[in-house]
Amino acid sequence: MSEPANTQEEKKKGEAFYLILILLLLCGNGLLGWFWWKDSGKLKIITIEKATIAKDAEIVKQELIALHAQYEGLKVNNREMQAEIDRKKEEIAQLQKDLEKNKDNEYIIAKLKKETQTLRDIMHHFVHEIDSLNTMNKNVIADREKVRGELNAEKEITSQLTKEKSELQNTVNLASMLKTVGLTVSGMDERRGGKKEVNTKKAKHCDKVKISFTLAENLIAKKGDRIIYARIISPNGIEMTQGSDSSHIFSFGRSHGYWATKKTVNYANENTDVLMYAHPKQGEAFVKGKYIIEVNTDGATIGNATLELE
C-alpha cells in the first residue's frame, strides 16, 4: 500500500533539509581550515620579522661599541674641537641607551643605524682635522691603531650578522618610508647677480650647494605635504645653518640638528622631483674639504651624499 502524498512530500523536505545541513557543515569546516592556514602564514611572517629586527639590533649594538671606542681614541689640544668630540661621545652613549629600550622597535632601530653612520662620518672628519693640525702624540696614534684593529674585528661580526639578516630580509618587505633616487649634490657659482649659475669644485668660487633628487614612488606611504630638510656637515664637523635659534633646528631619530635649507613638497605616492639650494650664513664662506649632505623628512634620514670642494 503506497504512502499518502503528504507523507512523501514531508519525507522529501526532510531529506533536503539534512542535505543542506551537511553542505553547510562542509563549507564551515572548509572556511575554518582556510582561516587556520591564513593565521599560520601570518605567524610565520611575524616570527621572521622578529628575527630580522633582532639581527638589526645586534648590528647597531656592535657598531655603537666600536664607534665609542674610536671616539675615545681621539685627543686634541684644540678645546673647541675636543668639546665637540665629547658631545658626540655623549650622543653615542644616549643612542646605546635608546637601543636597549627599543630592541624590538624596527622603526627606531633603523633610525639609530642611520644616526650611527652619521656619527662615524663625522668621526672621520675629526681624524682628518687632527692629523692636519699635527696635534696628536705617539701614544694617541698608537691608541688609534688599536681602535682600528677593534673596528676590523667589529666589521667581521657585523658582516656575519648582516649576511644572516639579508637572508631573512628577502622574506619580509619592511620598506614603508620614503626614499630618494638619483640624489646629486654640486657646488654652484652664481654669476650676473644670480641670474646664471655654473658648477664649480672650487671652494672660493662656490656660492651655494645644489641638491636634487627624486622622492621614489611608494604606494604605502601617506599622501600629503612633506617638509624636506637638508642637513650639511662642513669639513670641520660643524653643521651649516642660517641661524642658531630654535626655528632652525629639526628632529631626526632621537637627535636634533640644524638644517641648511628646507622645502615643502606635496607627495602623491608617485615619483616626485625635488630641487633645493643651500647658502652659507651671511659673512661666512665655503672652505676646502668634504661636506656631508643628508636629506631628511618625517623624522628620518632618507638620502646621503658628499661634496668635495678644492
C-alpha atoms as a PDB file:
ATOM      1  CA  MET A   1       0.000   0.000   0.000  1.00  0.00           C
ATOM      2  CA  SER A   2       1.554   3.354  -1.054  1.00  0.00           C
ATOM      3  CA  GLU A   3       2.202   6.162   1.379  1.00  0.00           C
ATOM      4  CA  PRO A   4      -0.049   9.202   1.301  1.00  0.00           C
ATOM      5  CA  ALA A   5       1.145  12.124  -0.865  1.00  0.00           C
ATOM      6  CA  ASN A   6       1.549  14.418   2.149  1.00  0.00           C
ATOM      7  CA  THR A   7       3.817  11.911   3.886  1.00  0.00           C
ATOM      8  CA  GLN A   8       6.043  11.524   0.822  1.00  0.00           C
ATOM      9  CA  GLU A   9       6.321  15.304   0.439  1.00  0.00           C
ATOM     10  CA  GLU A  10       7.312  15.736   4.087  1.00  0.00           C
ATOM     11  CA  LYS A  11       9.898  12.981   3.691  1.00  0.00           C
ATOM     12  CA  LYS A  12      11.453  14.732   0.691  1.00  0.00           C
ATOM     13  CA  LYS A  13      11.564  18.047   2.573  1.00  0.00           C
ATOM     14  CA  GLY A  14      13.314  16.343   5.490  1.00  0.00           C
ATOM     15  CA  GLU A  15      15.900  14.782   3.187  1.00  0.00           C
ATOM     16  CA  ALA A  16      16.517  18.163   1.531  1.00  0.00           C
ATOM     17  CA  PHE A  17      16.924  19.811   4.944  1.00  0.00           C
ATOM     18  CA  TYR A  18      19.533  17.265   6.040  1.00  0.00           C
ATOM     19  CA  LEU A  19      21.363  17.598   2.714  1.00  0.00           C
ATOM     20  CA  ILE A  20      21.545  21.402   3.096  1.00  0.00           C
ATOM     21  CA  LEU A  21      22.741  20.990   6.701  1.00  0.00           C
ATOM     22  CA  ILE A  22      25.525  18.638   5.594  1.00  0.00           C
ATOM     23  CA  LEU A  23      26.620  21.070   2.882  1.00  0.00           C
ATOM     24  CA  LEU A  24      26.690  23.951   5.408  1.00  0.00           C
ATOM     25  CA  LEU A  25      28.836  21.877   7.775  1.00  0.00           C
ATOM     26  CA  LEU A  26      31.263  21.012   4.979  1.00  0.00           C
ATOM     27  CA  CYS A  27      31.532  24.702   3.960  1.00  0.00           C
ATOM     28  CA  GLY A  28      32.034  25.708   7.592  1.00  0.00           C
ATOM     29  CA  ASN A  29      34.857  23.183   8.001  1.00  0.00           C
ATOM     30  CA  GLY A  30      36.455  24.407   4.791  1.00  0.00           C
ATOM     31  CA  LEU A  31      36.244  28.030   5.939  1.00  0.00           C
ATOM     32  CA  LEU A  32      37.753  27.180   9.322  1.00  0.00           C
ATOM     33  CA  GLY A  33      40.578  25.361   7.569  1.00  0.00           C
ATOM     34  CA  TRP A  34      41.254  28.387   5.369  1.00  0.00           C
ATOM     35  CA  PHE A  35      41.377  30.725   8.406  1.00  0.00           C
ATOM     36  CA  TRP A  36      43.778  28.324  10.137  1.00  0.00           C
ATOM     37  CA  TRP A  37      46.074  28.278   7.077  1.00  0.00           C
ATOM     38  CA  LYS A  38      45.991  32.085   6.808  1.00  0.00           C
ATOM     39  CA  ASP A  39      46.766  32.602  10.509  1.00  0.00           C
ATOM     40  CA  SER A  40      49.575  30.037  10.304  1.00  0.00           C
ATOM     41  CA  GLY A  41      51.171  32.041   7.462  1.00  0.00           C
ATOM     42  CA  LYS A  42      50.880  35.260   9.442  1.00  0.00           C
ATOM     43  CA  LEU A  43      52.558  33.643  12.460  1.00  0.00           C
ATOM     44  CA  LYS A  44      55.464  32.534  10.270  1.00  0.00           C
ATOM     45  CA  ILE A  45      55.927  36.059   8.879  1.00  0.00           C
ATOM     46  CA  ILE A  46      55.778  37.592  12.371  1.00  0.00           C
ATOM     47  CA  THR A  47      58.425  35.131  13.578  1.00  0.00           C
ATOM     48  CA  ILE A  48      60.720  36.041  10.669  1.00  0.00           C
ATOM     49  CA  GLU A  49      60.138  39.760  11.257  1.00  0.00           C
ATOM     50  CA  LYS A  50      61.134  39.412  14.918  1.00  0.00           C
ATOM     51  CA  ALA A  51      64.283  37.553  13.931  1.00  0.00           C
ATOM     52  CA  THR A  52      65.140  40.282  11.387  1.00  0.00           C
ATOM     53  CA  ILE A  53      64.639  43.035  13.985  1.00  0.00           C
ATOM     54  CA  ALA A  54      66.820  41.154  16.481  1.00  0.00           C
ATOM     55  CA  LYS A  55      69.643  40.934  13.912  1.00  0.00           C
ATOM     56  CA  ASP A  56      69.306  44.646  13.153  1.00  0.00           C
ATOM     57  CA  ALA A  57      69.516  45.495  16.857  1.00  0.00           C
ATOM     58  CA  GLU A  58      72.656  43.394  17.301  1.00  0.00           C
ATOM     59  CA  ILE A  59      74.303  45.035  14.272  1.00  0.00           C
ATOM     60  CA  VAL A  60      73.633  48.520  15.643  1.00  0.00           C
ATOM     61  CA  LYS A  61      74.883  47.442  19.086  1.00  0.00           C
ATOM     62  CA  GLN A  62      78.214  46.238  17.677  1.00  0.00           C
ATOM     63  CA  GLU A  63      78.592  49.394  15.559  1.00  0.00           C
ATOM     64  CA  LEU A  64      77.989  51.665  18.565  1.00  0.00           C
ATOM     65  CA  ILE A  65      80.519  49.765  20.698  1.00  0.00           C
ATOM     66  CA  ALA A  66      83.189  50.164  18.024  1.00  0.00           C
ATOM     67  CA  LEU A  67      82.261  53.802  17.366  1.00  0.00           C
ATOM     68  CA  HIS A  68      82.520  54.702  21.063  1.00  0.00           C
ATOM     69  CA  ALA A  69      85.982  53.138  21.161  1.00  0.00           C
ATOM     70  CA  GLN A  70      87.014  55.221  18.149  1.00  0.00           C
ATOM     71  CA  TYR A  71      85.871  58.472  19.742  1.00  0.00           C
ATOM     72  CA  GLU A  72      87.669  57.535  22.974  1.00  0.00           C
ATOM     73  CA  GLY A  73      90.886  57.356  20.971  1.00  0.00           C
ATOM     74  CA  LEU A  74      90.536  60.935  19.663  1.00  0.00           C
ATOM     75  CA  LYS A  75      92.542  63.521  21.662  1.00  0.00           C
ATOM     76  CA  VAL A  76      93.324  67.066  20.569  1.00  0.00           C
ATOM     77  CA  ASN A  77      94.684  70.261  22.163  1.00  0.00           C
ATOM     78  CA  ASN A  78      92.045  72.383  20.458  1.00  0.00           C
ATOM     79  CA  ARG A  79      89.428  72.981  23.199  1.00  0.00           C
ATOM     80  CA  GLU A  80      86.545  73.676  20.835  1.00  0.00           C
ATOM     81  CA  MET A  81      87.162  70.546  18.818  1.00  0.00           C
ATOM     82  CA  GLN A  82      87.668  68.420  21.939  1.00  0.00           C
ATOM     83  CA  ALA A  83      84.388  69.719  23.362  1.00  0.00           C
ATOM     84  CA  GLU A  84      82.630  68.731  20.138  1.00  0.00           C
ATOM     85  CA  ILE A  85      84.183  65.249  20.325  1.00  0.00           C
ATOM     86  CA  ASP A  86      82.969  64.881  23.919  1.00  0.00           C
ATOM     87  CA  ARG A  87      79.463  65.868  22.867  1.00  0.00           C
ATOM     88  CA  LYS A  88      79.500  63.224  20.161  1.00  0.00           C
ATOM     89  CA  LYS A  89      80.528  60.630  22.753  1.00  0.00           C
ATOM     90  CA  GLU A  90      77.530  61.644  24.847  1.00  0.00           C
ATOM     91  CA  GLU A  91      75.314  61.199  21.786  1.00  0.00           C
ATOM     92  CA  ILE A  92      76.709  57.686  21.299  1.00  0.00           C
ATOM     93  CA  ALA A  93      76.003  56.840  24.938  1.00  0.00           C
ATOM     94  CA  GLN A  94      72.424  58.077  24.506  1.00  0.00           C
ATOM     95  CA  LEU A  95      71.995  56.021  21.342  1.00  0.00           C
ATOM     96  CA  GLN A  96      73.142  52.941  23.260  1.00  0.00           C
ATOM     97  CA  LYS A  97      70.523  53.616  25.939  1.00  0.00           C
ATOM     98  CA  ASP A  98      67.844  54.148  23.292  1.00  0.00           C
ATOM     99  CA  LEU A  99      68.789  50.854  21.667  1.00  0.00           C
ATOM    100  CA  GLU A 100      68.464  48.963  24.966  1.00  0.00           C
ATOM    101  CA  LYS A 101      64.995  50.457  25.486  1.00  0.00           C
ATOM    102  CA  ASN A 102      63.794  49.751  21.929  1.00  0.00           C
ATOM    103  CA  LYS A 103      65.312  46.396  20.965  1.00  0.00           C
ATOM    104  CA  ASP A 104      62.027  45.270  19.417  1.00  0.00           C
ATOM    105  CA  ASN A 105      61.139  48.544  17.659  1.00  0.00           C
ATOM    106  CA  GLU A 106      62.007  48.132  13.995  1.00  0.00           C
ATOM    107  CA  TYR A 107      61.431  51.811  13.109  1.00  0.00           C
ATOM    108  CA  ILE A 108      63.614  53.206  15.907  1.00  0.00           C
ATOM    109  CA  ILE A 109      66.395  50.661  15.256  1.00  0.00           C
ATOM    110  CA  ALA A 110      66.531  51.728  11.586  1.00  0.00           C
ATOM    111  CA  LYS A 111      66.853  55.389  12.604  1.00  0.00           C
ATOM    112  CA  LEU A 112      69.536  54.576  15.193  1.00  0.00           C
ATOM    113  CA  LYS A 113      71.542  52.780  12.494  1.00  0.00           C
ATOM    114  CA  LYS A 114      71.489  55.878  10.264  1.00  0.00           C
ATOM    115  CA  GLU A 115      72.464  58.144  13.156  1.00  0.00           C
ATOM    116  CA  THR A 116      75.356  55.800  13.937  1.00  0.00           C
ATOM    117  CA  GLN A 117      76.582  56.078  10.344  1.00  0.00           C
ATOM    118  CA  THR A 118      76.417  59.887  10.532  1.00  0.00           C
ATOM    119  CA  LEU A 119      78.474  59.913  13.745  1.00  0.00           C
ATOM    120  CA  ARG A 120      81.037  57.634  12.089  1.00  0.00           C
ATOM    121  CA  ASP A 121      81.348  60.016   9.108  1.00  0.00           C
ATOM    122  CA  ILE A 122      81.838  62.950  11.482  1.00  0.00           C
ATOM    123  CA  MET A 123      84.488  60.984  13.341  1.00  0.00           C
ATOM    124  CA  HIS A 124      86.421  60.503  10.115  1.00  0.00           C
ATOM    125  CA  HIS A 125      86.443  64.281   9.650  1.00  0.00           C
ATOM    126  CA  PHE A 126      87.771  64.736  13.173  1.00  0.00           C
ATOM    127  CA  VAL A 127      90.577  62.301  12.441  1.00  0.00           C
ATOM    128  CA  HIS A 128      91.474  64.234   9.286  1.00  0.00           C
ATOM    129  CA  GLU A 129      91.487  67.577  11.110  1.00  0.00           C
ATOM    130  CA  ILE A 130      93.599  66.248  13.967  1.00  0.00           C
ATOM    131  CA  ASP A 131      96.139  64.816  11.554  1.00  0.00           C
ATOM    132  CA  SER A 132      96.325  68.067   9.572  1.00  0.00           C
ATOM    133  CA  LEU A 133      96.916  70.109  12.752  1.00  0.00           C
ATOM    134  CA  ASN A 134      99.624  67.665  13.816  1.00  0.00           C
ATOM    135  CA  THR A 135      98.454  67.738  17.416  1.00  0.00           C
ATOM    136  CA  MET A 136      98.357  64.039  18.099  1.00  0.00           C
ATOM    137  CA  ASN A 137     101.271  62.470  20.011  1.00  0.00           C
ATOM    138  CA  LYS A 138     102.664  58.985  19.515  1.00  0.00           C
ATOM    139  CA  ASN A 139     100.588  57.447  22.299  1.00  0.00           C
ATOM    140  CA  VAL A 140      97.344  58.716  20.786  1.00  0.00           C
ATOM    141  CA  ILE A 141      98.351  57.413  17.354  1.00  0.00           C
ATOM    142  CA  ALA A 142      99.007  54.002  18.924  1.00  0.00           C
ATOM    143  CA  ASP A 143      95.581  54.112  20.581  1.00  0.00           C
ATOM    144  CA  ARG A 144      94.001  54.959  17.240  1.00  0.00           C
ATOM    145  CA  GLU A 145      95.638  51.954  15.611  1.00  0.00           C
ATOM    146  CA  LYS A 146      94.291  49.811  18.428  1.00  0.00           C
ATOM    147  CA  VAL A 147      90.814  51.163  17.809  1.00  0.00           C
ATOM    148  CA  ARG A 148      91.164  50.420  14.103  1.00  0.00           C
ATOM    149  CA  GLY A 149      92.019  46.848  14.994  1.00  0.00           C
ATOM    150  CA  GLU A 150      88.928  46.657  17.182  1.00  0.00           C
ATOM    151  CA  LEU A 151      86.907  48.126  14.338  1.00  0.00           C
ATOM    152  CA  ASN A 152      88.131  45.411  11.963  1.00  0.00           C
ATOM    153  CA  ALA A 153      87.019  42.784  14.459  1.00  0.00           C
ATOM    154  CA  GLU A 154      83.657  44.520  14.779  1.00  0.00           C
ATOM    155  CA  LYS A 155      83.329  44.616  10.992  1.00  0.00           C
ATOM    156  CA  GLU A 156      83.747  40.839  10.834  1.00  0.00           C
ATOM    157  CA  ILE A 157      80.961  40.387  13.382  1.00  0.00           C
ATOM    158  CA  THR A 158      78.775  42.922  11.597  1.00  0.00           C
ATOM    159  CA  SER A 159      79.433  41.272   8.235  1.00  0.00           C
ATOM    160  CA  GLN A 160      78.221  37.899   9.513  1.00  0.00           C
ATOM    161  CA  LEU A 161      75.161  39.431  11.159  1.00  0.00           C
ATOM    162  CA  THR A 162      74.394  41.405   8.010  1.00  0.00           C
ATOM    163  CA  LYS A 163      74.550  38.230   5.924  1.00  0.00           C
ATOM    164  CA  GLU A 164      72.123  36.454   8.220  1.00  0.00           C
ATOM    165  CA  LYS A 165      69.818  39.478   8.248  1.00  0.00           C
ATOM    166  CA  SER A 166      69.887  39.665   4.456  1.00  0.00           C
ATOM    167  CA  GLU A 167      68.577  36.097   4.188  1.00  0.00           C
ATOM    168  CA  LEU A 168      65.661  36.975   6.452  1.00  0.00           C
ATOM    169  CA  GLN A 169      65.097  40.300   4.718  1.00  0.00           C
ATOM    170  CA  ASN A 170      64.223  38.540   1.462  1.00  0.00           C
ATOM    171  CA  THR A 171      61.133  37.026   3.132  1.00  0.00           C
ATOM    172  CA  VAL A 172      59.552  40.185   4.567  1.00  0.00           C
ATOM    173  CA  ASN A 173      59.276  43.582   2.901  1.00  0.00           C
ATOM    174  CA  LEU A 174      59.930  46.220   5.569  1.00  0.00           C
ATOM    175  CA  ALA A 175      60.110  49.213   3.250  1.00  0.00           C
ATOM    176  CA  SER A 176      57.477  51.765   4.233  1.00  0.00           C
ATOM    177  CA  MET A 177      59.423  55.042   4.410  1.00  0.00           C
ATOM    178  CA  LEU A 178      60.103  57.497   1.624  1.00  0.00           C
ATOM    179  CA  LYS A 179      63.366  57.065  -0.254  1.00  0.00           C
ATOM    180  CA  THR A 180      65.429  59.277  -2.529  1.00  0.00           C
ATOM    181  CA  VAL A 181      66.504  58.224  -6.016  1.00  0.00           C
ATOM    182  CA  GLY A 182      69.260  59.873  -8.037  1.00  0.00           C
ATOM    183  CA  LEU A 183      70.482  62.136  -5.227  1.00  0.00           C
ATOM    184  CA  THR A 184      73.145  64.523  -6.585  1.00  0.00           C
ATOM    185  CA  VAL A 185      74.900  67.495  -4.987  1.00  0.00           C
ATOM    186  CA  SER A 186      77.165  70.094  -6.563  1.00  0.00           C
ATOM    187  CA  GLY A 187      78.755  73.433  -5.795  1.00  0.00           C
ATOM    188  CA  MET A 188      77.347  76.350  -7.764  1.00  0.00           C
ATOM    189  CA  ASP A 189      78.984  79.633  -8.798  1.00  0.00           C
ATOM    190  CA  GLU A 190      76.410  82.416  -9.154  1.00  0.00           C
ATOM    191  CA  ARG A 191      77.033  84.942 -11.919  1.00  0.00           C
ATOM    192  CA  ARG A 192      75.286  88.029 -13.274  1.00  0.00           C
ATOM    193  CA  GLY A 193      73.765  88.753  -9.915  1.00  0.00           C
ATOM    194  CA  GLY A 194      72.396  85.239  -9.535  1.00  0.00           C
ATOM    195  CA  LYS A 195      70.790  85.085 -12.984  1.00  0.00           C
ATOM    196  CA  LYS A 196      73.251  82.455 -14.109  1.00  0.00           C
ATOM    197  CA  GLU A 197      74.882  79.589 -12.274  1.00  0.00           C
ATOM    198  CA  VAL A 198      77.613  77.111 -13.217  1.00  0.00           C
ATOM    199  CA  ASN A 199      79.042  74.069 -11.476  1.00  0.00           C
ATOM    200  CA  THR A 200      82.259  74.545  -9.563  1.00  0.00           C
ATOM    201  CA  LYS A 201      84.543  72.395  -7.442  1.00  0.00           C
ATOM    202  CA  LYS A 202      86.450  75.373  -6.062  1.00  0.00           C
ATOM    203  CA  ALA A 203      85.544  76.408  -2.523  1.00  0.00           C
ATOM    204  CA  LYS A 204      86.442  80.052  -3.184  1.00  0.00           C
ATOM    205  CA  HIS A 205      84.037  80.221  -6.164  1.00  0.00           C
ATOM    206  CA  CYS A 206      81.196  78.294  -4.534  1.00  0.00           C
ATOM    207  CA  ASP A 207      78.183  80.429  -3.588  1.00  0.00           C
ATOM    208  CA  LYS A 208      75.682  77.661  -2.806  1.00  0.00           C
ATOM    209  CA  VAL A 209      75.109  73.909  -2.833  1.00  0.00           C
ATOM    210  CA  LYS A 210      72.590  72.471  -5.296  1.00  0.00           C
ATOM    211  CA  ILE A 211      70.719  69.378  -4.102  1.00  0.00           C
ATOM    212  CA  SER A 212      68.482  67.441  -6.484  1.00  0.00           C
ATOM    213  CA  PHE A 213      66.761  64.074  -6.164  1.00  0.00           C
ATOM    214  CA  THR A 214      63.515  62.189  -6.731  1.00  0.00           C
ATOM    215  CA  LEU A 215      61.197  61.001  -3.990  1.00  0.00           C
ATOM    216  CA  ALA A 216      60.550  57.440  -5.113  1.00  0.00           C
ATOM    217  CA  GLU A 217      57.085  56.026  -5.640  1.00  0.00           C
ATOM    218  CA  ASN A 218      55.729  54.328  -2.513  1.00  0.00           C
ATOM    219  CA  LEU A 219      52.095  53.225  -2.555  1.00  0.00           C
ATOM    220  CA  ILE A 220      52.171  52.512   1.193  1.00  0.00           C
ATOM    221  CA  ALA A 221      53.332  55.992   2.247  1.00  0.00           C
ATOM    222  CA  LYS A 222      50.840  58.605   3.369  1.00  0.00           C
ATOM    223  CA  LYS A 223      49.901  61.255   0.827  1.00  0.00           C
ATOM    224  CA  GLY A 224      50.248  64.984   1.527  1.00  0.00           C
ATOM    225  CA  ASP A 225      52.776  67.742   2.190  1.00  0.00           C
ATOM    226  CA  ARG A 226      56.229  66.781   3.430  1.00  0.00           C
ATOM    227  CA  ILE A 227      58.847  69.177   4.832  1.00  0.00           C
ATOM    228  CA  ILE A 228      62.177  68.131   3.350  1.00  0.00           C
ATOM    229  CA  TYR A 229      65.235  69.174   5.370  1.00  0.00           C
ATOM    230  CA  ALA A 230      68.800  69.254   4.026  1.00  0.00           C
ATOM    231  CA  ARG A 231      71.461  68.901   6.721  1.00  0.00           C
ATOM    232  CA  ILE A 232      75.015  69.800   5.701  1.00  0.00           C
ATOM    233  CA  ILE A 233      78.044  68.997   7.858  1.00  0.00           C
ATOM    234  CA  SER A 234      81.140  71.009   6.907  1.00  0.00           C
ATOM    235  CA  PRO A 235      84.689  69.598   6.865  1.00  0.00           C
ATOM    236  CA  ASN A 236      85.276  70.866  10.412  1.00  0.00           C
ATOM    237  CA  GLY A 237      82.310  68.878  11.728  1.00  0.00           C
ATOM    238  CA  ILE A 238      80.032  71.909  12.195  1.00  0.00           C
ATOM    239  CA  GLU A 239      76.504  71.965  10.745  1.00  0.00           C
ATOM    240  CA  MET A 240      75.705  74.716   8.224  1.00  0.00           C
ATOM    241  CA  THR A 241      72.730  76.890   9.200  1.00  0.00           C
ATOM    242  CA  GLN A 242      71.322  80.348   8.655  1.00  0.00           C
ATOM    243  CA  GLY A 243      70.678  80.814  12.364  1.00  0.00           C
ATOM    244  CA  SER A 244      71.306  79.181  15.720  1.00  0.00           C
ATOM    245  CA  ASP A 245      67.827  79.718  17.170  1.00  0.00           C
ATOM    246  CA  SER A 246      65.197  77.002  17.672  1.00  0.00           C
ATOM    247  CA  SER A 247      63.474  77.774  14.353  1.00  0.00           C
ATOM    248  CA  HIS A 248      66.496  76.340  12.508  1.00  0.00           C
ATOM    249  CA  ILE A 249      66.508  73.069  14.458  1.00  0.00           C
ATOM    250  CA  PHE A 250      64.737  69.881  13.363  1.00  0.00           C
ATOM    251  CA  SER A 251      64.480  66.356  14.736  1.00  0.00           C
ATOM    252  CA  PHE A 252      65.683  63.138  13.151  1.00  0.00           C
ATOM    253  CA  GLY A 253      65.507  59.880  15.043  1.00  0.00           C
ATOM    254  CA  ARG A 254      66.349  60.606  18.670  1.00  0.00           C
ATOM    255  CA  SER A 255      68.628  63.526  17.759  1.00  0.00           C
ATOM    256  CA  HIS A 256      68.307  67.174  16.823  1.00  0.00           C
ATOM    257  CA  GLY A 257      70.318  69.173  14.322  1.00  0.00           C
ATOM    258  CA  TYR A 258      70.426  72.357  12.264  1.00  0.00           C
ATOM    259  CA  TRP A 259      69.044  72.410   8.737  1.00  0.00           C
ATOM    260  CA  ALA A 260      70.897  74.247   5.983  1.00  0.00           C
ATOM    261  CA  THR A 261      67.769  74.537   3.806  1.00  0.00           C
ATOM    262  CA  LYS A 262      64.234  73.132   3.785  1.00  0.00           C
ATOM    263  CA  LYS A 263      61.350  72.821   1.351  1.00  0.00           C
ATOM    264  CA  THR A 264      57.689  71.746   1.485  1.00  0.00           C
ATOM    265  CA  VAL A 265      56.815  69.122  -1.156  1.00  0.00           C
ATOM    266  CA  ASN A 266      53.414  67.626  -1.942  1.00  0.00           C
ATOM    267  CA  TYR A 267      53.822  63.851  -2.195  1.00  0.00           C
ATOM    268  CA  ALA A 268      51.154  61.815  -4.001  1.00  0.00           C
ATOM    269  CA  ASN A 269      52.649  58.285  -3.840  1.00  0.00           C
ATOM    270  CA  GLU A 270      54.468  58.776  -7.140  1.00  0.00           C
ATOM    271  CA  ASN A 271      57.948  59.790  -8.274  1.00  0.00           C
ATOM    272  CA  THR A 272      58.373  63.448  -7.285  1.00  0.00           C
ATOM    273  CA  ASP A 273      61.364  65.561  -8.387  1.00  0.00           C
ATOM    274  CA  VAL A 274      62.830  67.921  -5.788  1.00  0.00           C
ATOM    275  CA  LEU A 275      65.405  70.715  -6.183  1.00  0.00           C
ATOM    276  CA  MET A 276      66.923  72.574  -3.206  1.00  0.00           C
ATOM    277  CA  TYR A 277      69.675  75.161  -2.691  1.00  0.00           C
ATOM    278  CA  ALA A 278      71.716  75.795   0.455  1.00  0.00           C
ATOM    279  CA  HIS A 279      73.634  79.053   1.028  1.00  0.00           C
ATOM    280  CA  PRO A 280      76.212  79.713   3.728  1.00  0.00           C
ATOM    281  CA  LYS A 281      75.363  82.066   6.559  1.00  0.00           C
ATOM    282  CA  GLN A 282      75.907  85.737   5.721  1.00  0.00           C
ATOM    283  CA  GLY A 283      79.529  86.656   6.296  1.00  0.00           C
ATOM    284  CA  GLU A 284      80.684  83.049   6.006  1.00  0.00           C
ATOM    285  CA  ALA A 285      82.083  81.153   3.028  1.00  0.00           C
ATOM    286  CA  PHE A 286      82.680  77.588   1.926  1.00  0.00           C
ATOM    287  CA  VAL A 287      86.005  76.024   2.907  1.00  0.00           C
ATOM    288  CA  LYS A 288      88.019  73.268   1.297  1.00  0.00           C
ATOM    289  CA  GLY A 289      87.215  69.683   2.201  1.00  0.00           C
ATOM    290  CA  LYS A 290      84.441  67.113   2.180  1.00  0.00           C
ATOM    291  CA  TYR A 291      80.863  68.082   3.033  1.00  0.00           C
ATOM    292  CA  ILE A 292      78.298  65.526   4.214  1.00  0.00           C
ATOM    293  CA  ILE A 293      74.774  66.151   2.928  1.00  0.00           C
ATOM    294  CA  GLU A 294      71.731  64.416   4.434  1.00  0.00           C
ATOM    295  CA  VAL A 295      68.135  64.604   3.207  1.00  0.00           C
ATOM    296  CA  ASN A 296      65.557  64.182   5.978  1.00  0.00           C
ATOM    297  CA  THR A 297      61.781  64.010   6.259  1.00  0.00           C
ATOM    298  CA  ASP A 298      59.264  62.519   8.677  1.00  0.00           C
ATOM    299  CA  GLY A 299      61.987  62.430  11.336  1.00  0.00           C
ATOM    300  CA  ALA A 300      64.255  60.131   9.336  1.00  0.00           C
ATOM    301  CA  THR A 301      67.238  60.417   7.001  1.00  0.00           C
ATOM    302  CA  ILE A 302      66.200  59.254   3.519  1.00  0.00           C
ATOM    303  CA  GLY A 303      69.294  60.140   1.486  1.00  0.00           C
ATOM    304  CA  ASN A 304      73.030  60.801   1.886  1.00  0.00           C
ATOM    305  CA  ALA A 305      75.697  62.296  -0.350  1.00  0.00           C
ATOM    306  CA  THR A 306      79.092  64.000  -0.118  1.00  0.00           C
ATOM    307  CA  LEU A 307      80.599  67.021  -1.841  1.00  0.00           C
ATOM    308  CA  GLU A 308      84.347  67.623  -2.157  1.00  0.00           C
ATOM    309  CA  LEU A 309      85.452  71.247  -2.641  1.00  0.00           C
ATOM    310  CA  GLU A 310      89.024  72.038  -3.569  1.00  0.00           C
END
